[in-house]
N, C-alpha and C. Protein backbone atom coordinates (compact mmCIF):
# COMPACT_ATOMS: atom_id res chain seq x y z
N MET A 1 -68.58 -26.18 -37.01
CA MET A 1 -68.35 -25.07 -36.10
C MET A 1 -68.47 -23.74 -36.85
N THR A 2 -68.94 -22.74 -36.15
CA THR A 2 -69.02 -21.41 -36.74
C THR A 2 -67.70 -20.66 -36.53
N ASP A 3 -67.53 -19.58 -37.27
CA ASP A 3 -66.35 -18.73 -37.09
C ASP A 3 -66.26 -18.21 -35.66
N GLU A 4 -67.39 -17.80 -35.11
CA GLU A 4 -67.40 -17.28 -33.73
C GLU A 4 -67.01 -18.34 -32.72
N GLU A 5 -67.42 -19.58 -32.93
CA GLU A 5 -67.03 -20.66 -32.02
C GLU A 5 -65.53 -20.91 -32.08
N ARG A 6 -64.97 -20.89 -33.28
CA ARG A 6 -63.52 -21.06 -33.43
C ARG A 6 -62.77 -19.91 -32.76
N LYS A 7 -63.22 -18.70 -33.01
CA LYS A 7 -62.58 -17.53 -32.40
C LYS A 7 -62.66 -17.61 -30.87
N SER A 8 -63.78 -18.05 -30.37
CA SER A 8 -63.98 -18.17 -28.93
C SER A 8 -62.99 -19.15 -28.30
N ILE A 9 -62.71 -20.25 -28.97
CA ILE A 9 -61.74 -21.22 -28.46
C ILE A 9 -60.34 -20.62 -28.44
N ALA A 10 -59.97 -19.93 -29.52
CA ALA A 10 -58.65 -19.29 -29.58
C ALA A 10 -58.53 -18.21 -28.49
N ALA A 11 -59.57 -17.41 -28.32
CA ALA A 11 -59.55 -16.35 -27.30
C ALA A 11 -59.48 -16.95 -25.90
N GLU A 12 -60.19 -18.05 -25.68
CA GLU A 12 -60.14 -18.71 -24.36
C GLU A 12 -58.73 -19.23 -24.08
N TYR A 13 -58.07 -19.78 -25.08
CA TYR A 13 -56.70 -20.24 -24.93
C TYR A 13 -55.80 -19.07 -24.50
N LEU A 14 -55.88 -17.94 -25.19
CA LEU A 14 -55.04 -16.78 -24.86
C LEU A 14 -55.33 -16.25 -23.46
N LYS A 15 -56.60 -16.16 -23.11
CA LYS A 15 -56.96 -15.68 -21.76
C LYS A 15 -56.50 -16.68 -20.69
N SER A 16 -56.57 -17.95 -20.99
CA SER A 16 -56.09 -18.96 -20.03
C SER A 16 -54.59 -18.80 -19.77
N LEU A 17 -53.83 -18.47 -20.79
CA LEU A 17 -52.41 -18.21 -20.60
C LEU A 17 -52.21 -17.01 -19.68
N ASP A 18 -52.95 -15.94 -19.93
CA ASP A 18 -52.80 -14.71 -19.13
C ASP A 18 -53.13 -14.94 -17.66
N TYR A 19 -54.15 -15.73 -17.40
CA TYR A 19 -54.62 -15.92 -16.02
C TYR A 19 -54.11 -17.23 -15.40
N LYS A 20 -53.14 -17.87 -16.10
CA LYS A 20 -52.51 -19.10 -15.61
C LYS A 20 -53.54 -20.19 -15.29
N ARG A 21 -54.52 -20.31 -16.18
CA ARG A 21 -55.54 -21.35 -16.04
C ARG A 21 -55.19 -22.50 -16.99
N ASP A 22 -55.66 -23.68 -16.65
CA ASP A 22 -55.43 -24.84 -17.50
C ASP A 22 -56.09 -24.62 -18.87
N PHE A 23 -55.38 -24.98 -19.91
CA PHE A 23 -55.91 -24.83 -21.27
C PHE A 23 -55.79 -26.11 -22.08
N TYR A 24 -55.26 -27.17 -21.48
CA TYR A 24 -55.03 -28.40 -22.23
C TYR A 24 -56.33 -29.02 -22.76
N HIS A 25 -57.44 -28.75 -22.10
CA HIS A 25 -58.72 -29.29 -22.58
C HIS A 25 -59.13 -28.69 -23.93
N LEU A 26 -58.48 -27.57 -24.31
CA LEU A 26 -58.78 -26.92 -25.59
C LEU A 26 -57.99 -27.51 -26.76
N ILE A 27 -56.96 -28.30 -26.44
CA ILE A 27 -56.03 -28.80 -27.46
C ILE A 27 -56.24 -30.30 -27.67
N ALA A 28 -56.35 -30.69 -28.92
CA ALA A 28 -56.52 -32.11 -29.25
C ALA A 28 -55.29 -32.90 -28.81
N GLU A 29 -55.51 -34.14 -28.42
CA GLU A 29 -54.42 -35.01 -27.95
C GLU A 29 -53.31 -35.18 -28.99
N ASP A 30 -53.68 -35.18 -30.27
CA ASP A 30 -52.69 -35.39 -31.32
C ASP A 30 -52.29 -34.10 -32.04
N ALA A 31 -52.50 -32.96 -31.38
CA ALA A 31 -52.22 -31.65 -32.00
C ALA A 31 -50.72 -31.44 -32.20
N GLU A 32 -50.43 -30.52 -33.12
CA GLU A 32 -49.07 -30.02 -33.34
C GLU A 32 -49.01 -28.61 -32.78
N VAL A 33 -47.94 -28.32 -32.02
CA VAL A 33 -47.74 -26.97 -31.48
C VAL A 33 -46.30 -26.57 -31.77
N TYR A 34 -46.14 -25.38 -32.38
CA TYR A 34 -44.81 -24.86 -32.70
C TYR A 34 -44.52 -23.63 -31.85
N PHE A 35 -43.29 -23.54 -31.35
CA PHE A 35 -42.82 -22.35 -30.64
C PHE A 35 -41.38 -22.09 -31.07
N PRO A 36 -41.02 -20.82 -31.36
CA PRO A 36 -39.65 -20.50 -31.80
C PRO A 36 -38.60 -21.02 -30.81
N ASN A 37 -37.49 -21.46 -31.33
CA ASN A 37 -36.36 -22.00 -30.58
C ASN A 37 -36.69 -23.31 -29.85
N TRP A 38 -37.90 -23.80 -29.99
CA TRP A 38 -38.27 -25.08 -29.40
C TRP A 38 -38.58 -26.09 -30.49
N GLY A 39 -39.25 -25.61 -31.51
CA GLY A 39 -39.61 -26.48 -32.62
C GLY A 39 -41.05 -26.93 -32.54
N VAL A 40 -41.34 -28.03 -33.22
CA VAL A 40 -42.70 -28.56 -33.29
C VAL A 40 -42.87 -29.68 -32.27
N ALA A 41 -43.88 -29.55 -31.45
CA ALA A 41 -44.26 -30.60 -30.51
C ALA A 41 -45.46 -31.33 -31.11
N ARG A 42 -45.36 -32.63 -31.19
CA ARG A 42 -46.44 -33.44 -31.76
C ARG A 42 -47.04 -34.33 -30.68
N GLY A 43 -48.32 -34.13 -30.41
CA GLY A 43 -49.01 -34.93 -29.43
C GLY A 43 -48.93 -34.33 -28.03
N ALA A 44 -49.85 -34.76 -27.19
CA ALA A 44 -50.02 -34.19 -25.85
C ALA A 44 -48.76 -34.25 -25.00
N GLU A 45 -48.06 -35.37 -25.04
CA GLU A 45 -46.86 -35.50 -24.21
C GLU A 45 -45.83 -34.43 -24.57
N GLU A 46 -45.60 -34.24 -25.88
CA GLU A 46 -44.61 -33.25 -26.32
C GLU A 46 -45.07 -31.82 -26.07
N TYR A 47 -46.34 -31.48 -26.40
CA TYR A 47 -46.71 -30.08 -26.21
C TYR A 47 -46.86 -29.72 -24.74
N LYS A 48 -47.17 -30.67 -23.90
CA LYS A 48 -47.18 -30.39 -22.46
C LYS A 48 -45.76 -30.13 -21.97
N LYS A 49 -44.79 -30.84 -22.53
CA LYS A 49 -43.38 -30.61 -22.19
C LYS A 49 -42.96 -29.21 -22.65
N LEU A 50 -43.38 -28.81 -23.85
CA LEU A 50 -43.07 -27.48 -24.37
C LEU A 50 -43.61 -26.40 -23.43
N PHE A 51 -44.90 -26.47 -23.10
CA PHE A 51 -45.51 -25.44 -22.25
C PHE A 51 -44.93 -25.48 -20.84
N SER A 52 -44.59 -26.66 -20.36
CA SER A 52 -43.96 -26.78 -19.04
C SER A 52 -42.60 -26.08 -19.05
N HIS A 53 -41.84 -26.28 -20.12
CA HIS A 53 -40.54 -25.61 -20.25
C HIS A 53 -40.72 -24.09 -20.27
N LEU A 54 -41.68 -23.61 -21.04
CA LEU A 54 -41.92 -22.16 -21.09
C LEU A 54 -42.30 -21.63 -19.71
N GLY A 55 -43.04 -22.43 -18.95
CA GLY A 55 -43.44 -22.03 -17.60
C GLY A 55 -42.26 -21.85 -16.66
N THR A 56 -41.13 -22.50 -16.95
CA THR A 56 -39.94 -22.32 -16.11
C THR A 56 -39.23 -21.01 -16.44
N LEU A 57 -39.55 -20.41 -17.59
CA LEU A 57 -38.89 -19.19 -18.03
C LEU A 57 -39.73 -17.94 -17.81
N VAL A 58 -41.03 -18.05 -18.03
CA VAL A 58 -41.92 -16.88 -18.02
C VAL A 58 -42.56 -16.72 -16.65
N GLN A 59 -42.48 -15.51 -16.11
CA GLN A 59 -43.11 -15.19 -14.83
C GLN A 59 -44.60 -14.89 -15.04
N ASP A 60 -44.87 -13.93 -15.92
CA ASP A 60 -46.26 -13.56 -16.23
C ASP A 60 -46.30 -12.78 -17.53
N PHE A 61 -47.47 -12.72 -18.11
CA PHE A 61 -47.66 -11.91 -19.31
C PHE A 61 -49.14 -11.65 -19.52
N THR A 62 -49.39 -10.67 -20.34
CA THR A 62 -50.75 -10.29 -20.67
C THR A 62 -50.82 -9.98 -22.16
N HIS A 63 -51.79 -10.58 -22.83
CA HIS A 63 -52.09 -10.22 -24.22
C HIS A 63 -53.04 -9.02 -24.19
N PHE A 64 -52.85 -8.09 -25.09
CA PHE A 64 -53.75 -6.94 -25.18
C PHE A 64 -54.96 -7.35 -26.03
N HIS A 65 -55.93 -7.99 -25.39
CA HIS A 65 -57.06 -8.61 -26.08
C HIS A 65 -57.91 -7.64 -26.89
N ALA A 66 -58.06 -6.43 -26.42
CA ALA A 66 -58.91 -5.46 -27.13
C ALA A 66 -58.34 -5.08 -28.49
N TYR A 67 -57.05 -5.35 -28.69
CA TYR A 67 -56.39 -4.92 -29.93
C TYR A 67 -55.96 -6.08 -30.82
N ILE A 68 -56.43 -7.28 -30.55
CA ILE A 68 -56.07 -8.43 -31.38
C ILE A 68 -56.79 -8.33 -32.72
N ASN A 69 -56.04 -8.53 -33.78
CA ASN A 69 -56.62 -8.64 -35.12
C ASN A 69 -56.92 -10.11 -35.38
N TRP A 70 -58.15 -10.41 -35.76
CA TRP A 70 -58.58 -11.78 -36.01
C TRP A 70 -58.85 -11.98 -37.49
N ILE A 71 -58.35 -13.07 -38.03
CA ILE A 71 -58.66 -13.50 -39.39
C ILE A 71 -59.14 -14.94 -39.28
N ILE A 72 -60.33 -15.19 -39.81
CA ILE A 72 -60.90 -16.53 -39.71
C ILE A 72 -61.33 -16.97 -41.11
N GLN A 73 -60.83 -18.13 -41.49
CA GLN A 73 -61.21 -18.69 -42.79
C GLN A 73 -61.25 -20.20 -42.64
N GLY A 74 -62.43 -20.76 -42.72
CA GLY A 74 -62.57 -22.20 -42.53
C GLY A 74 -62.10 -22.59 -41.14
N ASP A 75 -61.26 -23.61 -41.06
CA ASP A 75 -60.75 -24.08 -39.78
C ASP A 75 -59.62 -23.21 -39.23
N MET A 76 -59.13 -22.29 -40.04
CA MET A 76 -57.98 -21.45 -39.65
C MET A 76 -58.44 -20.20 -38.91
N VAL A 77 -57.77 -19.94 -37.80
CA VAL A 77 -57.97 -18.72 -37.04
C VAL A 77 -56.59 -18.12 -36.80
N VAL A 78 -56.41 -16.89 -37.23
CA VAL A 78 -55.15 -16.19 -37.03
C VAL A 78 -55.40 -15.04 -36.08
N ALA A 79 -54.59 -14.97 -35.04
CA ALA A 79 -54.66 -13.88 -34.06
C ALA A 79 -53.33 -13.16 -34.09
N GLU A 80 -53.40 -11.83 -34.31
CA GLU A 80 -52.19 -11.01 -34.34
C GLU A 80 -52.34 -9.94 -33.27
N GLY A 81 -51.33 -9.81 -32.43
CA GLY A 81 -51.44 -8.83 -31.36
C GLY A 81 -50.12 -8.50 -30.72
N SER A 82 -50.19 -7.97 -29.51
CA SER A 82 -48.99 -7.64 -28.74
C SER A 82 -49.24 -8.02 -27.29
N SER A 83 -48.15 -8.07 -26.53
CA SER A 83 -48.24 -8.48 -25.13
C SER A 83 -47.20 -7.75 -24.31
N LYS A 84 -47.35 -7.87 -23.00
CA LYS A 84 -46.34 -7.39 -22.06
C LYS A 84 -46.15 -8.47 -21.02
N GLY A 85 -45.02 -8.44 -20.34
CA GLY A 85 -44.80 -9.45 -19.32
C GLY A 85 -43.39 -9.43 -18.79
N SER A 86 -43.04 -10.51 -18.06
CA SER A 86 -41.71 -10.61 -17.49
C SER A 86 -41.27 -12.07 -17.44
N LEU A 87 -39.97 -12.23 -17.48
CA LEU A 87 -39.37 -13.55 -17.33
C LEU A 87 -38.95 -13.75 -15.88
N LYS A 88 -38.73 -14.96 -15.49
CA LYS A 88 -38.29 -15.24 -14.12
C LYS A 88 -36.90 -14.68 -13.86
N SER A 89 -36.16 -14.40 -14.92
CA SER A 89 -34.83 -13.79 -14.79
C SER A 89 -34.91 -12.30 -14.44
N GLY A 90 -36.13 -11.72 -14.53
CA GLY A 90 -36.31 -10.31 -14.23
C GLY A 90 -36.45 -9.43 -15.46
N GLU A 91 -36.11 -9.96 -16.63
CA GLU A 91 -36.28 -9.19 -17.87
C GLU A 91 -37.76 -8.98 -18.14
N THR A 92 -38.07 -7.84 -18.73
CA THR A 92 -39.46 -7.53 -19.05
C THR A 92 -39.60 -7.13 -20.51
N TRP A 93 -40.84 -7.15 -20.98
CA TRP A 93 -41.17 -6.61 -22.29
C TRP A 93 -42.50 -5.88 -22.16
N SER A 94 -42.70 -4.88 -23.02
CA SER A 94 -43.91 -4.08 -22.87
C SER A 94 -44.78 -4.01 -24.10
N ASP A 95 -44.26 -4.34 -25.25
CA ASP A 95 -45.08 -4.25 -26.47
C ASP A 95 -44.55 -5.23 -27.51
N SER A 96 -44.48 -6.48 -27.16
CA SER A 96 -43.97 -7.50 -28.05
C SER A 96 -45.05 -7.94 -29.04
N LYS A 97 -44.71 -7.97 -30.30
CA LYS A 97 -45.66 -8.39 -31.34
C LYS A 97 -45.61 -9.91 -31.49
N TRP A 98 -46.75 -10.51 -31.76
CA TRP A 98 -46.85 -11.95 -31.94
C TRP A 98 -47.99 -12.27 -32.90
N CYS A 99 -47.98 -13.49 -33.40
CA CYS A 99 -49.04 -13.97 -34.26
C CYS A 99 -49.20 -15.47 -34.01
N ASP A 100 -50.41 -15.89 -33.71
CA ASP A 100 -50.71 -17.31 -33.50
C ASP A 100 -51.62 -17.78 -34.63
N VAL A 101 -51.28 -18.93 -35.19
CA VAL A 101 -52.08 -19.52 -36.26
C VAL A 101 -52.66 -20.82 -35.72
N PHE A 102 -53.96 -20.87 -35.64
CA PHE A 102 -54.69 -22.03 -35.10
C PHE A 102 -55.40 -22.76 -36.24
N GLU A 103 -55.51 -24.07 -36.11
CA GLU A 103 -56.48 -24.85 -36.87
C GLU A 103 -57.39 -25.46 -35.81
N ILE A 104 -58.68 -25.15 -35.91
CA ILE A 104 -59.64 -25.59 -34.90
C ILE A 104 -60.76 -26.37 -35.58
N ARG A 105 -60.89 -27.63 -35.14
CA ARG A 105 -61.94 -28.50 -35.65
C ARG A 105 -62.54 -29.28 -34.49
N ASP A 106 -63.82 -29.54 -34.59
CA ASP A 106 -64.52 -30.37 -33.59
C ASP A 106 -64.30 -29.85 -32.16
N GLY A 107 -64.23 -28.52 -32.02
CA GLY A 107 -64.12 -27.90 -30.70
C GLY A 107 -62.75 -27.96 -30.07
N LYS A 108 -61.73 -28.36 -30.84
CA LYS A 108 -60.37 -28.49 -30.29
C LYS A 108 -59.35 -27.83 -31.22
N ILE A 109 -58.29 -27.34 -30.61
CA ILE A 109 -57.16 -26.83 -31.38
C ILE A 109 -56.39 -28.04 -31.90
N GLN A 110 -56.33 -28.17 -33.22
CA GLN A 110 -55.64 -29.29 -33.85
C GLN A 110 -54.18 -28.94 -34.16
N ARG A 111 -53.96 -27.66 -34.39
CA ARG A 111 -52.62 -27.17 -34.76
C ARG A 111 -52.51 -25.75 -34.23
N LEU A 112 -51.37 -25.43 -33.62
CA LEU A 112 -51.12 -24.09 -33.12
C LEU A 112 -49.66 -23.75 -33.39
N TYR A 113 -49.44 -22.77 -34.25
CA TYR A 113 -48.10 -22.29 -34.54
C TYR A 113 -47.99 -20.89 -33.98
N ILE A 114 -47.07 -20.72 -33.05
CA ILE A 114 -46.88 -19.46 -32.33
C ILE A 114 -45.66 -18.76 -32.93
N TYR A 115 -45.87 -17.56 -33.44
CA TYR A 115 -44.78 -16.80 -34.04
C TYR A 115 -44.53 -15.55 -33.22
N LEU A 116 -43.33 -15.44 -32.71
CA LEU A 116 -42.89 -14.23 -32.02
C LEU A 116 -41.37 -14.22 -32.04
N ASP A 117 -40.81 -13.06 -31.81
CA ASP A 117 -39.36 -12.94 -31.75
C ASP A 117 -38.90 -13.66 -30.48
N PRO A 118 -38.06 -14.68 -30.60
CA PRO A 118 -37.65 -15.40 -29.39
C PRO A 118 -36.81 -14.54 -28.44
N GLU A 119 -36.41 -13.39 -28.88
CA GLU A 119 -35.64 -12.45 -28.05
C GLU A 119 -36.52 -11.29 -27.59
N TYR A 120 -37.84 -11.50 -27.54
CA TYR A 120 -38.79 -10.41 -27.27
C TYR A 120 -38.51 -9.64 -26.00
N SER A 121 -37.93 -10.26 -25.00
CA SER A 121 -37.69 -9.54 -23.74
C SER A 121 -36.47 -8.63 -23.82
N ARG A 122 -35.74 -8.69 -24.90
CA ARG A 122 -34.52 -7.90 -25.02
C ARG A 122 -34.78 -6.49 -25.57
N TYR A 123 -36.01 -6.17 -25.91
CA TYR A 123 -36.29 -4.86 -26.52
C TYR A 123 -36.89 -3.92 -25.54
């Protein structure tokens, strides 16, 4: 895979989140996914449970795609950016910083570690 192909998969994942589109086809069945306060989900059953849980908390959000910093080296793709959104509780955030670290091989996300302040809506 080329760097652009890897970046395209990571960008498609982020846009799918923003537009509430299915993204599971981008993630390998045996992938690892980390989210703060949730931990590491291993395999499709666990990471689908993780994202399903997040879906019960988050109403909507948008990544500021034009301002994402991309670092690509081999299978690793790092995306650093900010987002805005709201929780189902009514809390909102307007400029939350985040960083996602992807490992992408054979057209699939093999590993995704999501780093953000778990209290992002409190600022």
